[in-house]
Amino acid sequence: MMRFDPGWRGVYNIDRAELYGASLDGKTGLTDWLSGNLSLTWQHSRKQGDPFDTAGLSDEIDYLPDWKASAGLEFKLPYQGVFDVTLRYVGERQTIYAYSSGYPPQQHFKLVELDSYVTADIDLKFPLGRHAEVSCYVENLFNEDYEEQFGYPMPGMLVGAALKMFL
């Protein structure tokens, strides 16, 4: 487990954890120039012996959503270009949050829930000869407000460009 709570940051082991679930994914050609992909994951966990969860607030691994999914379309463009559109869904997650109050300070723990979210990304790529590729991308296209870790919001929309060289 990894913790980033006020006053304590670190990695530690829990005595026992079980993770189980199922995942389906596939890709198909829709036309000569368009393909689609889809992925769906269900997962569940159980834990015992978490030294940080002394109050027994949760018997599951922190931040593990029950459901995750992604769907995308890939458009083949002239000059071997590719335009990708991807949607990603992450379900609700829980984590244990530590905070201090009073004097002398006493540490308290509470179970907090992070909302589910959906993000959209686009990516445009073109090869530059056989050994290079240029791309422009937008991550979090609709500027979704979400957190992957409690108390640490993810950035809004990111726009960028990249040049990759292949040796």
C-alpha atoms as a PDB file:
ATOM      1  CA  MET A   1       0.000   0.000   0.000  1.00  0.00           C
ATOM      2  CA  MET A   2       1.090   3.577  -0.584  1.00  0.00           C
ATOM      3  CA  ARG A   3       0.015   6.458   1.685  1.00  0.00           C
ATOM      4  CA  PHE A   4       0.161  10.206   1.078  1.00  0.00           C
ATOM      5  CA  ASP A   5      -1.635  11.525   4.153  1.00  0.00           C
ATOM      6  CA  PRO A   6      -0.714  14.677   6.113  1.00  0.00           C
ATOM      7  CA  GLY A   7       2.269  13.943   8.315  1.00  0.00           C
ATOM      8  CA  TRP A   8       2.999  10.518   6.814  1.00  0.00           C
ATOM      9  CA  ARG A   9       4.046   9.351   3.397  1.00  0.00           C
ATOM     10  CA  GLY A  10       5.325   5.930   2.615  1.00  0.00           C
ATOM     11  CA  VAL A  11       4.858   2.421   1.371  1.00  0.00           C
ATOM     12  CA  TYR A  12       4.035  -0.542   3.583  1.00  0.00           C
ATOM     13  CA  ASN A  13       2.804  -4.119   3.337  1.00  0.00           C
ATOM     14  CA  ILE A  14      -0.481  -5.543   4.505  1.00  0.00           C
ATOM     15  CA  ASP A  15      -0.583  -9.078   5.884  1.00  0.00           C
ATOM     16  CA  ARG A  16      -2.920 -10.549   3.288  1.00  0.00           C
ATOM     17  CA  ALA A  17      -4.661  -9.307   0.147  1.00  0.00           C
ATOM     18  CA  GLU A  18      -6.791 -11.038  -2.449  1.00  0.00           C
ATOM     19  CA  LEU A  19      -7.675  -9.566  -5.809  1.00  0.00           C
ATOM     20  CA  TYR A  20     -10.090 -11.184  -8.234  1.00  0.00           C
ATOM     21  CA  GLY A  21     -12.197 -10.138 -11.189  1.00  0.00           C
ATOM     22  CA  ALA A  22     -12.745 -10.452 -14.901  1.00  0.00           C
ATOM     23  CA  SER A  23     -11.846  -8.433 -17.950  1.00  0.00           C
ATOM     24  CA  LEU A  24     -13.121  -8.382 -21.513  1.00  0.00           C
ATOM     25  CA  ASP A  25     -11.493  -6.528 -24.338  1.00  0.00           C
ATOM     26  CA  GLY A  26     -11.521  -6.577 -28.071  1.00  0.00           C
ATOM     27  CA  LYS A  27     -10.711  -4.718 -31.230  1.00  0.00           C
ATOM     28  CA  THR A  28     -12.441  -4.862 -34.564  1.00  0.00           C
ATOM     29  CA  GLY A  29     -12.076  -3.330 -37.997  1.00  0.00           C
ATOM     30  CA  LEU A  30     -15.251  -1.420 -38.843  1.00  0.00           C
ATOM     31  CA  THR A  31     -14.156  -0.247 -42.315  1.00  0.00           C
ATOM     32  CA  ASP A  32     -10.878  -0.049 -44.234  1.00  0.00           C
ATOM     33  CA  TRP A  33     -10.082   3.212 -42.434  1.00  0.00           C
ATOM     34  CA  LEU A  34     -11.822   2.825 -39.066  1.00  0.00           C
ATOM     35  CA  SER A  35     -11.363   0.394 -36.186  1.00  0.00           C
ATOM     36  CA  GLY A  36     -12.814   0.306 -32.704  1.00  0.00           C
ATOM     37  CA  ASN A  37     -11.743  -1.109 -29.370  1.00  0.00           C
ATOM     38  CA  LEU A  38     -13.492  -1.727 -26.073  1.00  0.00           C
ATOM     39  CA  SER A  39     -12.313  -2.883 -22.655  1.00  0.00           C
ATOM     40  CA  LEU A  40     -14.373  -3.638 -19.545  1.00  0.00           C
ATOM     41  CA  THR A  41     -12.970  -4.727 -16.184  1.00  0.00           C
ATOM     42  CA  TRP A  42     -14.704  -5.801 -12.973  1.00  0.00           C
ATOM     43  CA  GLN A  43     -12.489  -6.328  -9.942  1.00  0.00           C
ATOM     44  CA  HIS A  44     -12.867  -6.828  -6.217  1.00  0.00           C
ATOM     45  CA  SER A  45     -10.464  -7.196  -3.335  1.00  0.00           C
ATOM     46  CA  ARG A  46     -10.220  -8.287   0.275  1.00  0.00           C
ATOM     47  CA  LYS A  47      -7.480  -7.364   2.724  1.00  0.00           C
ATOM     48  CA  GLN A  48      -6.496  -8.311   6.247  1.00  0.00           C
ATOM     49  CA  GLY A  49      -3.832  -6.985   8.566  1.00  0.00           C
ATOM     50  CA  ASP A  50      -3.576  -3.403   7.297  1.00  0.00           C
ATOM     51  CA  PRO A  51      -1.544  -1.685  10.063  1.00  0.00           C
ATOM     52  CA  PHE A  52      -2.772   1.734   8.912  1.00  0.00           C
ATOM     53  CA  ASP A  53      -6.453   0.738   9.221  1.00  0.00           C
ATOM     54  CA  THR A  54      -6.508   0.082  12.978  1.00  0.00           C
ATOM     55  CA  ALA A  55     -10.206   1.065  13.138  1.00  0.00           C
ATOM     56  CA  GLY A  56     -11.166  -1.608  10.591  1.00  0.00           C
ATOM     57  CA  LEU A  57     -12.811   0.915   8.240  1.00  0.00           C
ATOM     58  CA  SER A  58     -12.385  -1.140   5.081  1.00  0.00           C
ATOM     59  CA  ASP A  59     -11.683  -4.717   4.108  1.00  0.00           C
ATOM     60  CA  GLU A  60     -10.740  -3.714   0.535  1.00  0.00           C
ATOM     61  CA  ILE A  61      -7.564  -2.425  -1.082  1.00  0.00           C
ATOM     62  CA  ASP A  62      -7.550   1.382  -1.313  1.00  0.00           C
ATOM     63  CA  TYR A  63      -8.335   3.112  -4.620  1.00  0.00           C
ATOM     64  CA  LEU A  64      -9.444  -0.042  -6.403  1.00  0.00           C
ATOM     65  CA  PRO A  65     -12.631   0.642  -8.395  1.00  0.00           C
ATOM     66  CA  ASP A  66     -15.117  -2.161  -8.945  1.00  0.00           C
ATOM     67  CA  TRP A  67     -15.516  -1.110 -12.601  1.00  0.00           C
ATOM     68  CA  LYS A  68     -13.206   0.319 -15.254  1.00  0.00           C
ATOM     69  CA  ALA A  69     -13.845   0.674 -18.983  1.00  0.00           C
ATOM     70  CA  SER A  70     -12.393   2.241 -22.083  1.00  0.00           C
ATOM     71  CA  ALA A  71     -13.635   2.640 -25.632  1.00  0.00           C
ATOM     72  CA  GLY A  72     -11.847   4.042 -28.615  1.00  0.00           C
ATOM     73  CA  LEU A  73     -11.916   4.672 -32.324  1.00  0.00           C
ATOM     74  CA  GLU A  74      -8.862   4.722 -34.604  1.00  0.00           C
ATOM     75  CA  PHE A  75      -9.111   6.519 -37.928  1.00  0.00           C
ATOM     76  CA  LYS A  76      -6.495   5.779 -40.603  1.00  0.00           C
ATOM     77  CA  LEU A  77      -5.595   8.967 -42.465  1.00  0.00           C
ATOM     78  CA  PRO A  78      -3.702   9.697 -45.676  1.00  0.00           C
ATOM     79  CA  TYR A  79       0.112   9.535 -45.529  1.00  0.00           C
ATOM     80  CA  GLN A  80      -0.094   6.766 -42.887  1.00  0.00           C
ATOM     81  CA  GLY A  81      -1.499   9.155 -40.306  1.00  0.00           C
ATOM     82  CA  VAL A  82      -3.655   7.963 -37.432  1.00  0.00           C
ATOM     83  CA  PHE A  83      -6.271   9.830 -35.401  1.00  0.00           C
ATOM     84  CA  ASP A  84      -7.339   8.193 -32.094  1.00  0.00           C
ATOM     85  CA  VAL A  85     -10.268   9.056 -29.832  1.00  0.00           C
ATOM     86  CA  THR A  86     -10.428   7.317 -26.445  1.00  0.00           C
ATOM     87  CA  LEU A  87     -12.959   7.465 -23.602  1.00  0.00           C
ATOM     88  CA  ARG A  88     -11.962   6.106 -20.193  1.00  0.00           C
ATOM     89  CA  TYR A  89     -14.271   5.373 -17.244  1.00  0.00           C
ATOM     90  CA  VAL A  90     -13.081   4.698 -13.679  1.00  0.00           C
ATOM     91  CA  GLY A  91     -15.708   3.830 -11.052  1.00  0.00           C
ATOM     92  CA  GLU A  92     -16.009   5.034  -7.477  1.00  0.00           C
ATOM     93  CA  ARG A  93     -13.120   4.212  -5.159  1.00  0.00           C
ATOM     94  CA  GLN A  94     -12.532   4.345  -1.405  1.00  0.00           C
ATOM     95  CA  THR A  95      -9.500   5.102   0.693  1.00  0.00           C
ATOM     96  CA  ILE A  96      -8.657   5.669   4.338  1.00  0.00           C
ATOM     97  CA  TYR A  97      -7.727   9.271   5.167  1.00  0.00           C
ATOM     98  CA  ALA A  98      -5.753  10.236   8.261  1.00  0.00           C
ATOM     99  CA  TYR A  99      -6.009  13.627   9.978  1.00  0.00           C
ATOM    100  CA  SER A 100      -5.058  15.139  13.336  1.00  0.00           C
ATOM    101  CA  SER A 101      -7.098  17.294  15.709  1.00  0.00           C
ATOM    102  CA  GLY A 102      -6.981  18.616  19.262  1.00  0.00           C
ATOM    103  CA  TYR A 103      -4.102  19.379  21.548  1.00  0.00           C
ATOM    104  CA  PRO A 104      -2.056  17.362  22.014  1.00  0.00           C
ATOM    105  CA  PRO A 105      -2.783  16.259  18.445  1.00  0.00           C
ATOM    106  CA  GLN A 106      -4.515  12.924  18.079  1.00  0.00           C
ATOM    107  CA  GLN A 107      -4.635  11.067  14.796  1.00  0.00           C
ATOM    108  CA  HIS A 108      -8.030  10.070  13.401  1.00  0.00           C
ATOM    109  CA  PHE A 109      -9.000   7.979  10.401  1.00  0.00           C
ATOM    110  CA  LYS A 110     -12.025   8.140   8.130  1.00  0.00           C
ATOM    111  CA  LEU A 111     -13.151   6.298   5.026  1.00  0.00           C
ATOM    112  CA  VAL A 112     -13.551   8.658   2.063  1.00  0.00           C
ATOM    113  CA  GLU A 113     -15.062   7.973  -1.335  1.00  0.00           C
ATOM    114  CA  LEU A 114     -13.720   9.320  -4.607  1.00  0.00           C
ATOM    115  CA  ASP A 115     -16.242   9.911  -7.362  1.00  0.00           C
ATOM    116  CA  SER A 116     -16.248   8.035 -10.625  1.00  0.00           C
ATOM    117  CA  TYR A 117     -15.057   9.900 -13.697  1.00  0.00           C
ATOM    118  CA  VAL A 118     -14.909   9.778 -17.479  1.00  0.00           C
ATOM    119  CA  THR A 119     -12.115  11.339 -19.503  1.00  0.00           C
ATOM    120  CA  ALA A 120     -11.650  11.730 -23.253  1.00  0.00           C
ATOM    121  CA  ASP A 121      -8.335  11.895 -25.100  1.00  0.00           C
ATOM    122  CA  ILE A 122      -7.457  12.530 -28.744  1.00  0.00           C
ATOM    123  CA  ASP A 123      -4.181  11.877 -30.534  1.00  0.00           C
ATOM    124  CA  LEU A 124      -3.045  12.672 -34.087  1.00  0.00           C
ATOM    125  CA  LYS A 125       0.132  10.933 -35.376  1.00  0.00           C
ATOM    126  CA  PHE A 126       2.069  11.054 -38.629  1.00  0.00           C
ATOM    127  CA  PRO A 127       5.286   9.198 -39.494  1.00  0.00           C
ATOM    128  CA  LEU A 128       8.303  11.202 -40.602  1.00  0.00           C
ATOM    129  CA  GLY A 129      10.109   8.696 -42.747  1.00  0.00           C
ATOM    130  CA  ARG A 130      10.919   5.297 -41.267  1.00  0.00           C
ATOM    131  CA  HIS A 131      12.647   6.488 -38.103  1.00  0.00           C
ATOM    132  CA  ALA A 132      10.471   9.256 -36.650  1.00  0.00           C
ATOM    133  CA  GLU A 133       6.920  10.161 -35.752  1.00  0.00           C
ATOM    134  CA  VAL A 134       5.287  13.462 -34.884  1.00  0.00           C
ATOM    135  CA  SER A 135       2.096  13.697 -32.830  1.00  0.00           C
ATOM    136  CA  CYS A 136      -0.269  16.229 -31.314  1.00  0.00           C
ATOM    137  CA  TYR A 137      -2.551  15.226 -28.469  1.00  0.00           C
ATOM    138  CA  VAL A 138      -5.132  16.467 -26.007  1.00  0.00           C
ATOM    139  CA  GLU A 139      -5.616  14.634 -22.703  1.00  0.00           C
ATOM    140  CA  ASN A 140      -8.744  15.233 -20.616  1.00  0.00           C
ATOM    141  CA  LEU A 141     -10.395  16.930 -23.581  1.00  0.00           C
ATOM    142  CA  PHE A 142     -13.473  18.091 -21.634  1.00  0.00           C
ATOM    143  CA  ASN A 143     -11.444  19.356 -18.651  1.00  0.00           C
ATOM    144  CA  GLU A 144     -12.971  16.825 -16.228  1.00  0.00           C
ATOM    145  CA  ASP A 145     -12.358  17.616 -12.541  1.00  0.00           C
ATOM    146  CA  TYR A 146     -11.237  14.379 -10.820  1.00  0.00           C
ATOM    147  CA  GLU A 147      -8.779  12.862  -8.372  1.00  0.00           C
ATOM    148  CA  GLU A 148      -6.867   9.622  -8.678  1.00  0.00           C
ATOM    149  CA  GLN A 149      -5.490  10.082  -5.125  1.00  0.00           C
ATOM    150  CA  PHE A 150      -7.591  11.767  -2.423  1.00  0.00           C
ATOM    151  CA  GLY A 151      -6.624  15.433  -2.006  1.00  0.00           C
ATOM    152  CA  TYR A 152      -4.533  15.544  -5.188  1.00  0.00           C
ATOM    153  CA  PRO A 153      -6.603  16.815  -8.134  1.00  0.00           C
ATOM    154  CA  MET A 154      -5.471  15.814 -11.590  1.00  0.00           C
ATOM    155  CA  PRO A 155      -4.583  18.540 -14.085  1.00  0.00           C
ATOM    156  CA  GLY A 156      -7.244  19.870 -16.416  1.00  0.00           C
ATOM    157  CA  MET A 157      -6.955  19.628 -20.172  1.00  0.00           C
ATOM    158  CA  LEU A 158      -3.391  19.006 -21.386  1.00  0.00           C
ATOM    159  CA  VAL A 159      -2.377  19.884 -24.937  1.00  0.00           C
ATOM    160  CA  GLY A 160       0.941  18.742 -26.271  1.00  0.00           C
ATOM    161  CA  ALA A 161       3.097  17.668 -29.169  1.00  0.00           C
ATOM    162  CA  ALA A 162       5.790  15.014 -29.402  1.00  0.00           C
ATOM    163  CA  LEU A 163       8.540  13.944 -31.727  1.00  0.00           C
ATOM    164  CA  LYS A 164       9.657  10.320 -31.413  1.00  0.00           C
ATOM    165  CA  MET A 165      12.802   8.950 -32.976  1.00  0.00           C
ATOM    166  CA  PHE A 166      13.176   5.201 -33.639  1.00  0.00           C
ATOM    167  CA  LEU A 167      16.670   3.796 -33.926  1.00  0.00           C
END
